[in-house]
Amino acid sequence: MLTRLLLCLCLIALVSQAKAGAWPRQKGSGFASVSVQLSWPQNIQHWIDTQPTDQYRTAYLEYGLTDKLTIGLDIGNSVSGASKSIAFLQYPIRNREKGPKIAFQLGIGQISGERVVRPGLSLGWGLKKGWLSMDSFMETRTGDGVSDYKLDITWGRNLARDRKLLLQLQTGIQHGDPAFARFAPSLVTPLGKRLKMETGATWGLTGDSSMGVKFGLWTDF
């Protein structure tokens, strides 16, 4: 399924930036991405072979239904690493020229076959040559009320030749486990006029003893 989606994304129109986060999509515009993250133990002595010990795959789509209402799909892996498929709506709470952009998101779907509700809050600041964003989510299973939490903080810098540098701190708490934090820098480069490629790395800081690599494709349409 992911391979077919990846091939379809290659045919979608012009690429320009990452997912909107706190910034609402304009009516009729959208963003799509696919990515895979492979990880291994930081301690090479714990390696059994060179095969990755974990693999995370995601497919993401958002579309501006109106100038304020954004709809989307988030398919791949949840905070816990289990498979997920979430449909969501996002609406701006604060969308002024100065100060932070703030948006509320509400998603429903399934994680590992269980129904979930996923509220989220995003904040974003436009910088002189980039942006700063904070995206937080709570994934709550409707059956037992157990919740997992995620917060990603991203600093983005626009570079020459339409490239982008991303420095991201990924954090989260899975029910019953200690909190984790990992550093995930990446570089986004254009592939012609219609597609961009993201390549990066991950390094666990606390509650995560893994290191890894990340590959992805972005497109706006």
C-alpha atoms as a PDB file:
ATOM      1  CA  MET A   1       0.000   0.000   0.000  1.00  0.00           C
ATOM      2  CA  LEU A   2       2.759   2.428   0.924  1.00  0.00           C
ATOM      3  CA  THR A   3       4.575   1.723  -2.348  1.00  0.00           C
ATOM      4  CA  ARG A   4       1.461   2.465  -4.400  1.00  0.00           C
ATOM      5  CA  LEU A   5       0.855   5.674  -2.459  1.00  0.00           C
ATOM      6  CA  LEU A   6       4.480   6.714  -2.967  1.00  0.00           C
ATOM      7  CA  LEU A   7       4.133   6.275  -6.717  1.00  0.00           C
ATOM      8  CA  CYS A   8       0.935   8.316  -6.729  1.00  0.00           C
ATOM      9  CA  LEU A   9       2.572  11.131  -4.782  1.00  0.00           C
ATOM     10  CA  CYS A  10       5.253  11.399  -7.426  1.00  0.00           C
ATOM     11  CA  LEU A  11       2.547  12.525  -9.850  1.00  0.00           C
ATOM     12  CA  ILE A  12       1.038  15.222  -7.631  1.00  0.00           C
ATOM     13  CA  ALA A  13       1.674  18.873  -8.432  1.00  0.00           C
ATOM     14  CA  LEU A  14       4.069  21.566  -7.161  1.00  0.00           C
ATOM     15  CA  VAL A  15       5.978  21.193  -3.898  1.00  0.00           C
ATOM     16  CA  SER A  16       6.721  24.171  -1.638  1.00  0.00           C
ATOM     17  CA  GLN A  17       6.727  23.520   2.129  1.00  0.00           C
ATOM     18  CA  ALA A  18       6.086  21.109   4.960  1.00  0.00           C
ATOM     19  CA  LYS A  19       2.736  20.258   6.509  1.00  0.00           C
ATOM     20  CA  ALA A  20       0.905  23.351   7.654  1.00  0.00           C
ATOM     21  CA  GLY A  21       0.847  22.736  11.411  1.00  0.00           C
ATOM     22  CA  ALA A  22      -0.661  25.882  12.932  1.00  0.00           C
ATOM     23  CA  TRP A  23      -0.950  27.566   9.517  1.00  0.00           C
ATOM     24  CA  PRO A  24      -4.323  26.883   7.816  1.00  0.00           C
ATOM     25  CA  ARG A  25      -4.345  25.582   4.263  1.00  0.00           C
ATOM     26  CA  GLN A  26      -5.877  27.825   1.646  1.00  0.00           C
ATOM     27  CA  LYS A  27      -9.132  26.562   0.168  1.00  0.00           C
ATOM     28  CA  GLY A  28      -8.454  23.999  -2.546  1.00  0.00           C
ATOM     29  CA  SER A  29      -4.758  23.493  -1.684  1.00  0.00           C
ATOM     30  CA  GLY A  30      -3.160  20.493  -0.055  1.00  0.00           C
ATOM     31  CA  PHE A  31      -0.039  18.758   1.150  1.00  0.00           C
ATOM     32  CA  ALA A  32       0.998  15.095   1.078  1.00  0.00           C
ATOM     33  CA  SER A  33       4.025  13.184   2.307  1.00  0.00           C
ATOM     34  CA  VAL A  34       5.334   9.684   2.838  1.00  0.00           C
ATOM     35  CA  SER A  35       8.311   8.719   4.990  1.00  0.00           C
ATOM     36  CA  VAL A  36      10.136   5.773   6.496  1.00  0.00           C
ATOM     37  CA  GLN A  37      12.326   5.807   9.588  1.00  0.00           C
ATOM     38  CA  LEU A  38      14.732   2.958  10.352  1.00  0.00           C
ATOM     39  CA  SER A  39      16.448   2.601  13.709  1.00  0.00           C
ATOM     40  CA  TRP A  40      19.110   0.531  15.461  1.00  0.00           C
ATOM     41  CA  PRO A  41      20.478   0.420  19.031  1.00  0.00           C
ATOM     42  CA  GLN A  42      23.000   3.168  19.770  1.00  0.00           C
ATOM     43  CA  ASN A  43      25.214   0.564  21.400  1.00  0.00           C
ATOM     44  CA  ILE A  44      26.594  -1.378  18.424  1.00  0.00           C
ATOM     45  CA  GLN A  45      27.539  -4.239  20.759  1.00  0.00           C
ATOM     46  CA  HIS A  46      23.803  -4.969  21.077  1.00  0.00           C
ATOM     47  CA  TRP A  47      23.424  -5.491  17.329  1.00  0.00           C
ATOM     48  CA  ILE A  48      22.578  -9.031  16.233  1.00  0.00           C
ATOM     49  CA  ASP A  49      22.884  -8.105  12.546  1.00  0.00           C
ATOM     50  CA  THR A  50      22.615  -5.000  10.365  1.00  0.00           C
ATOM     51  CA  GLN A  51      18.843  -5.234   9.960  1.00  0.00           C
ATOM     52  CA  PRO A  52      16.968  -2.319  11.620  1.00  0.00           C
ATOM     53  CA  THR A  53      15.320  -3.208  14.912  1.00  0.00           C
ATOM     54  CA  ASP A  54      12.413  -0.806  14.316  1.00  0.00           C
ATOM     55  CA  GLN A  55      10.735   0.594  11.216  1.00  0.00           C
ATOM     56  CA  TYR A  56       8.213   3.430  11.187  1.00  0.00           C
ATOM     57  CA  ARG A  57       6.302   4.268   8.015  1.00  0.00           C
ATOM     58  CA  THR A  58       3.887   7.163   7.589  1.00  0.00           C
ATOM     59  CA  ALA A  59       1.622   8.620   4.929  1.00  0.00           C
ATOM     60  CA  TYR A  60       0.131  12.056   5.553  1.00  0.00           C
ATOM     61  CA  LEU A  61      -2.412  14.147   3.649  1.00  0.00           C
ATOM     62  CA  GLU A  62      -4.100  17.468   4.387  1.00  0.00           C
ATOM     63  CA  TYR A  63      -6.442  19.603   2.273  1.00  0.00           C
ATOM     64  CA  GLY A  64      -7.961  23.055   2.676  1.00  0.00           C
ATOM     65  CA  LEU A  65     -11.716  22.481   2.592  1.00  0.00           C
ATOM     66  CA  THR A  66     -12.206  26.202   3.248  1.00  0.00           C
ATOM     67  CA  ASP A  67      -9.742  28.983   4.079  1.00  0.00           C
ATOM     68  CA  LYS A  68     -10.159  28.048   7.750  1.00  0.00           C
ATOM     69  CA  LEU A  69     -11.111  24.373   7.845  1.00  0.00           C
ATOM     70  CA  THR A  70      -8.402  21.813   6.988  1.00  0.00           C
ATOM     71  CA  ILE A  71      -9.141  18.091   6.702  1.00  0.00           C
ATOM     72  CA  GLY A  72      -6.605  15.292   6.564  1.00  0.00           C
ATOM     73  CA  LEU A  73      -5.459  11.698   6.982  1.00  0.00           C
ATOM     74  CA  ASP A  74      -2.576  10.427   9.109  1.00  0.00           C
ATOM     75  CA  ILE A  75      -1.620   6.797   8.447  1.00  0.00           C
ATOM     76  CA  GLY A  76       1.365   4.900   9.807  1.00  0.00           C
ATOM     77  CA  ASN A  77       2.663   4.507  13.372  1.00  0.00           C
ATOM     78  CA  SER A  78       1.365   6.045  16.601  1.00  0.00           C
ATOM     79  CA  VAL A  79       3.307   7.202  19.673  1.00  0.00           C
ATOM     80  CA  SER A  80       3.419   3.582  20.842  1.00  0.00           C
ATOM     81  CA  GLY A  81       4.658   2.374  17.455  1.00  0.00           C
ATOM     82  CA  ALA A  82       1.381   0.553  16.720  1.00  0.00           C
ATOM     83  CA  SER A  83      -0.323   0.933  13.342  1.00  0.00           C
ATOM     84  CA  LYS A  84      -2.697   3.884  13.069  1.00  0.00           C
ATOM     85  CA  SER A  85      -5.178   5.462  10.664  1.00  0.00           C
ATOM     86  CA  ILE A  86      -6.573   8.838  11.759  1.00  0.00           C
ATOM     87  CA  ALA A  87      -8.890  11.259   9.936  1.00  0.00           C
ATOM     88  CA  PHE A  88      -8.851  14.794  11.315  1.00  0.00           C
ATOM     89  CA  LEU A  89     -10.266  18.306  11.123  1.00  0.00           C
ATOM     90  CA  GLN A  90      -8.202  21.396  11.975  1.00  0.00           C
ATOM     91  CA  TYR A  91      -9.433  24.921  12.675  1.00  0.00           C
ATOM     92  CA  PRO A  92      -7.422  28.075  13.502  1.00  0.00           C
ATOM     93  CA  ILE A  93      -7.900  29.583  16.951  1.00  0.00           C
ATOM     94  CA  ARG A  94      -5.544  32.499  16.301  1.00  0.00           C
ATOM     95  CA  ASN A  95      -4.490  33.492  12.790  1.00  0.00           C
ATOM     96  CA  ARG A  96      -3.171  37.040  13.056  1.00  0.00           C
ATOM     97  CA  GLU A  97      -0.233  38.484  11.157  1.00  0.00           C
ATOM     98  CA  LYS A  98       1.769  39.173  14.344  1.00  0.00           C
ATOM     99  CA  GLY A  99       2.346  36.740  17.156  1.00  0.00           C
ATOM    100  CA  PRO A 100       1.813  32.988  17.157  1.00  0.00           C
ATOM    101  CA  LYS A 101      -0.531  31.069  14.912  1.00  0.00           C
ATOM    102  CA  ILE A 102      -2.659  28.647  16.951  1.00  0.00           C
ATOM    103  CA  ALA A 103      -4.810  25.823  15.613  1.00  0.00           C
ATOM    104  CA  PHE A 104      -6.940  23.099  17.204  1.00  0.00           C
ATOM    105  CA  GLN A 105      -7.205  19.647  15.675  1.00  0.00           C
ATOM    106  CA  LEU A 106      -9.616  16.804  16.335  1.00  0.00           C
ATOM    107  CA  GLY A 107      -8.981  13.359  14.898  1.00  0.00           C
ATOM    108  CA  ILE A 108     -10.801  10.032  15.077  1.00  0.00           C
ATOM    109  CA  GLY A 109      -9.723   6.627  13.847  1.00  0.00           C
ATOM    110  CA  GLN A 110      -7.967   3.460  14.932  1.00  0.00           C
ATOM    111  CA  ILE A 111      -4.667   2.511  16.532  1.00  0.00           C
ATOM    112  CA  SER A 112      -3.820  -1.185  16.482  1.00  0.00           C
ATOM    113  CA  GLY A 113      -7.468  -1.946  15.730  1.00  0.00           C
ATOM    114  CA  GLU A 114      -8.830   0.061  18.680  1.00  0.00           C
ATOM    115  CA  ARG A 115     -10.935   3.192  18.257  1.00  0.00           C
ATOM    116  CA  VAL A 116      -9.230   6.405  19.333  1.00  0.00           C
ATOM    117  CA  VAL A 117      -9.926  10.108  19.650  1.00  0.00           C
ATOM    118  CA  ARG A 118      -6.961  12.411  19.030  1.00  0.00           C
ATOM    119  CA  PRO A 119      -7.266  16.086  19.987  1.00  0.00           C
ATOM    120  CA  GLY A 120      -4.273  18.267  19.183  1.00  0.00           C
ATOM    121  CA  LEU A 121      -2.982  21.809  19.488  1.00  0.00           C
ATOM    122  CA  SER A 122      -0.423  23.465  17.201  1.00  0.00           C
ATOM    123  CA  LEU A 123       1.478  26.723  17.630  1.00  0.00           C
ATOM    124  CA  GLY A 124       3.629  28.371  14.995  1.00  0.00           C
ATOM    125  CA  TRP A 125       5.777  31.463  14.619  1.00  0.00           C
ATOM    126  CA  GLY A 126       7.005  32.837  11.309  1.00  0.00           C
ATOM    127  CA  LEU A 127      10.682  33.817  11.477  1.00  0.00           C
ATOM    128  CA  LYS A 128      12.764  35.996   9.179  1.00  0.00           C
ATOM    129  CA  LYS A 129      14.097  33.046   7.192  1.00  0.00           C
ATOM    130  CA  GLY A 130      12.052  30.165   8.503  1.00  0.00           C
ATOM    131  CA  TRP A 131       9.636  29.127  11.215  1.00  0.00           C
ATOM    132  CA  LEU A 132       9.234  27.600  14.680  1.00  0.00           C
ATOM    133  CA  SER A 133       6.389  25.216  15.482  1.00  0.00           C
ATOM    134  CA  MET A 134       5.063  23.113  18.363  1.00  0.00           C
ATOM    135  CA  ASP A 135       2.614  20.287  17.616  1.00  0.00           C
ATOM    136  CA  SER A 136       1.012  18.363  20.485  1.00  0.00           C
ATOM    137  CA  PHE A 137      -1.424  15.439  20.426  1.00  0.00           C
ATOM    138  CA  MET A 138      -3.226  13.170  22.865  1.00  0.00           C
ATOM    139  CA  GLU A 139      -4.226   9.726  21.560  1.00  0.00           C
ATOM    140  CA  THR A 140      -7.030   8.329  23.754  1.00  0.00           C
ATOM    141  CA  ARG A 141      -8.506   4.863  23.314  1.00  0.00           C
ATOM    142  CA  THR A 142     -12.292   5.058  23.690  1.00  0.00           C
ATOM    143  CA  GLY A 143     -12.517   1.550  25.157  1.00  0.00           C
ATOM    144  CA  ASP A 144     -10.417   1.957  28.314  1.00  0.00           C
ATOM    145  CA  GLY A 145      -9.667   5.693  28.287  1.00  0.00           C
ATOM    146  CA  VAL A 146      -5.883   5.135  28.214  1.00  0.00           C
ATOM    147  CA  SER A 147      -3.943   7.982  26.569  1.00  0.00           C
ATOM    148  CA  ASP A 148      -0.559   8.475  24.934  1.00  0.00           C
ATOM    149  CA  TYR A 149       0.950  11.931  24.432  1.00  0.00           C
ATOM    150  CA  LYS A 150       3.228  13.475  21.827  1.00  0.00           C
ATOM    151  CA  LEU A 151       4.916  16.864  21.441  1.00  0.00           C
ATOM    152  CA  ASP A 152       7.173  17.795  18.517  1.00  0.00           C
ATOM    153  CA  ILE A 153       9.127  21.067  18.427  1.00  0.00           C
ATOM    154  CA  THR A 154      10.499  22.052  15.017  1.00  0.00           C
ATOM    155  CA  TRP A 155      12.813  24.852  13.948  1.00  0.00           C
ATOM    156  CA  GLY A 156      12.931  25.306  10.186  1.00  0.00           C
ATOM    157  CA  ARG A 157      15.331  27.376   8.118  1.00  0.00           C
ATOM    158  CA  ASN A 158      14.923  28.260   4.428  1.00  0.00           C
ATOM    159  CA  LEU A 159      18.220  27.812   2.580  1.00  0.00           C
ATOM    160  CA  ALA A 160      19.519  28.645  -0.869  1.00  0.00           C
ATOM    161  CA  ARG A 161      18.328  26.682  -3.911  1.00  0.00           C
ATOM    162  CA  ASP A 162      14.926  26.049  -2.289  1.00  0.00           C
ATOM    163  CA  ARG A 163      16.373  23.748   0.392  1.00  0.00           C
ATOM    164  CA  LYS A 164      15.202  23.599   4.001  1.00  0.00           C
ATOM    165  CA  LEU A 165      17.000  22.655   7.213  1.00  0.00           C
ATOM    166  CA  LEU A 166      14.839  21.123   9.953  1.00  0.00           C
ATOM    167  CA  LEU A 167      15.883  20.614  13.574  1.00  0.00           C
ATOM    168  CA  GLN A 168      13.220  18.697  15.471  1.00  0.00           C
ATOM    169  CA  LEU A 169      12.847  17.537  19.052  1.00  0.00           C
ATOM    170  CA  GLN A 170      10.412  14.610  19.219  1.00  0.00           C
ATOM    171  CA  THR A 171       8.960  13.815  22.642  1.00  0.00           C
ATOM    172  CA  GLY A 172       6.188  11.603  23.959  1.00  0.00           C
ATOM    173  CA  ILE A 173       4.778   9.448  26.718  1.00  0.00           C
ATOM    174  CA  GLN A 174       3.255   6.047  26.057  1.00  0.00           C
ATOM    175  CA  HIS A 175       0.964   4.718  28.782  1.00  0.00           C
ATOM    176  CA  GLY A 176       2.964   2.618  31.226  1.00  0.00           C
ATOM    177  CA  ASP A 177       6.355   3.675  29.838  1.00  0.00           C
ATOM    178  CA  PRO A 178       8.752   6.505  30.766  1.00  0.00           C
ATOM    179  CA  ALA A 179       8.790   9.669  28.682  1.00  0.00           C
ATOM    180  CA  PHE A 180      11.115   9.754  25.699  1.00  0.00           C
ATOM    181  CA  ALA A 181      12.892  12.448  23.709  1.00  0.00           C
ATOM    182  CA  ARG A 182      14.877  12.203  20.491  1.00  0.00           C
ATOM    183  CA  PHE A 183      16.684  14.668  18.254  1.00  0.00           C
ATOM    184  CA  ALA A 184      15.827  14.495  14.551  1.00  0.00           C
ATOM    185  CA  PRO A 185      17.694  16.852  12.166  1.00  0.00           C
ATOM    186  CA  SER A 186      16.971  16.636   8.444  1.00  0.00           C
ATOM    187  CA  LEU A 187      17.571  18.383   5.130  1.00  0.00           C
ATOM    188  CA  VAL A 188      14.904  18.893   2.480  1.00  0.00           C
ATOM    189  CA  THR A 189      16.051  19.226  -1.128  1.00  0.00           C
ATOM    190  CA  PRO A 190      14.002  19.689  -4.320  1.00  0.00           C
ATOM    191  CA  LEU A 191      13.762  16.872  -6.833  1.00  0.00           C
ATOM    192  CA  GLY A 192      12.923  18.863  -9.939  1.00  0.00           C
ATOM    193  CA  LYS A 193       9.910  21.159  -9.740  1.00  0.00           C
ATOM    194  CA  ARG A 194       7.275  18.815  -8.361  1.00  0.00           C
ATOM    195  CA  LEU A 195       8.776  16.917  -5.504  1.00  0.00           C
ATOM    196  CA  LYS A 196      11.031  17.347  -2.473  1.00  0.00           C
ATOM    197  CA  MET A 197      13.050  14.755  -0.622  1.00  0.00           C
ATOM    198  CA  GLU A 198      13.771  14.767   3.105  1.00  0.00           C
ATOM    199  CA  THR A 199      16.817  12.929   4.433  1.00  0.00           C
ATOM    200  CA  GLY A 200      17.743  12.938   8.090  1.00  0.00           C
ATOM    201  CA  ALA A 201      18.824  11.127  11.212  1.00  0.00           C
ATOM    202  CA  THR A 202      17.443  10.419  14.685  1.00  0.00           C
ATOM    203  CA  TRP A 203      19.192  10.054  18.022  1.00  0.00           C
ATOM    204  CA  GLY A 204      17.494   9.089  21.272  1.00  0.00           C
ATOM    205  CA  LEU A 205      18.227  11.483  24.126  1.00  0.00           C
ATOM    206  CA  THR A 206      16.257  10.005  27.022  1.00  0.00           C
ATOM    207  CA  GLY A 207      13.895   7.060  27.300  1.00  0.00           C
ATOM    208  CA  ASP A 208      15.088   6.010  23.841  1.00  0.00           C
ATOM    209  CA  SER A 209      18.412   4.267  23.210  1.00  0.00           C
ATOM    210  CA  SER A 210      18.044   4.086  19.427  1.00  0.00           C
ATOM    211  CA  MET A 211      19.615   5.893  16.510  1.00  0.00           C
ATOM    212  CA  GLY A 212      18.301   5.936  12.982  1.00  0.00           C
ATOM    213  CA  VAL A 213      17.832   7.411   9.544  1.00  0.00           C
ATOM    214  CA  LYS A 214      14.794   8.946   7.890  1.00  0.00           C
ATOM    215  CA  PHE A 215      13.754   9.290   4.260  1.00  0.00           C
ATOM    216  CA  GLY A 216      10.669  11.053   2.956  1.00  0.00           C
ATOM    217  CA  LEU A 217       8.947  12.732   0.020  1.00  0.00           C
ATOM    218  CA  TRP A 218       6.856  15.914   0.177  1.00  0.00           C
ATOM    219  CA  THR A 219       4.474  17.545  -2.247  1.00  0.00           C
ATOM    220  CA  ASP A 220       2.013  20.447  -2.264  1.00  0.00           C
ATOM    221  CA  PHE A 221      -0.878  20.565  -4.711  1.00  0.00           C
END
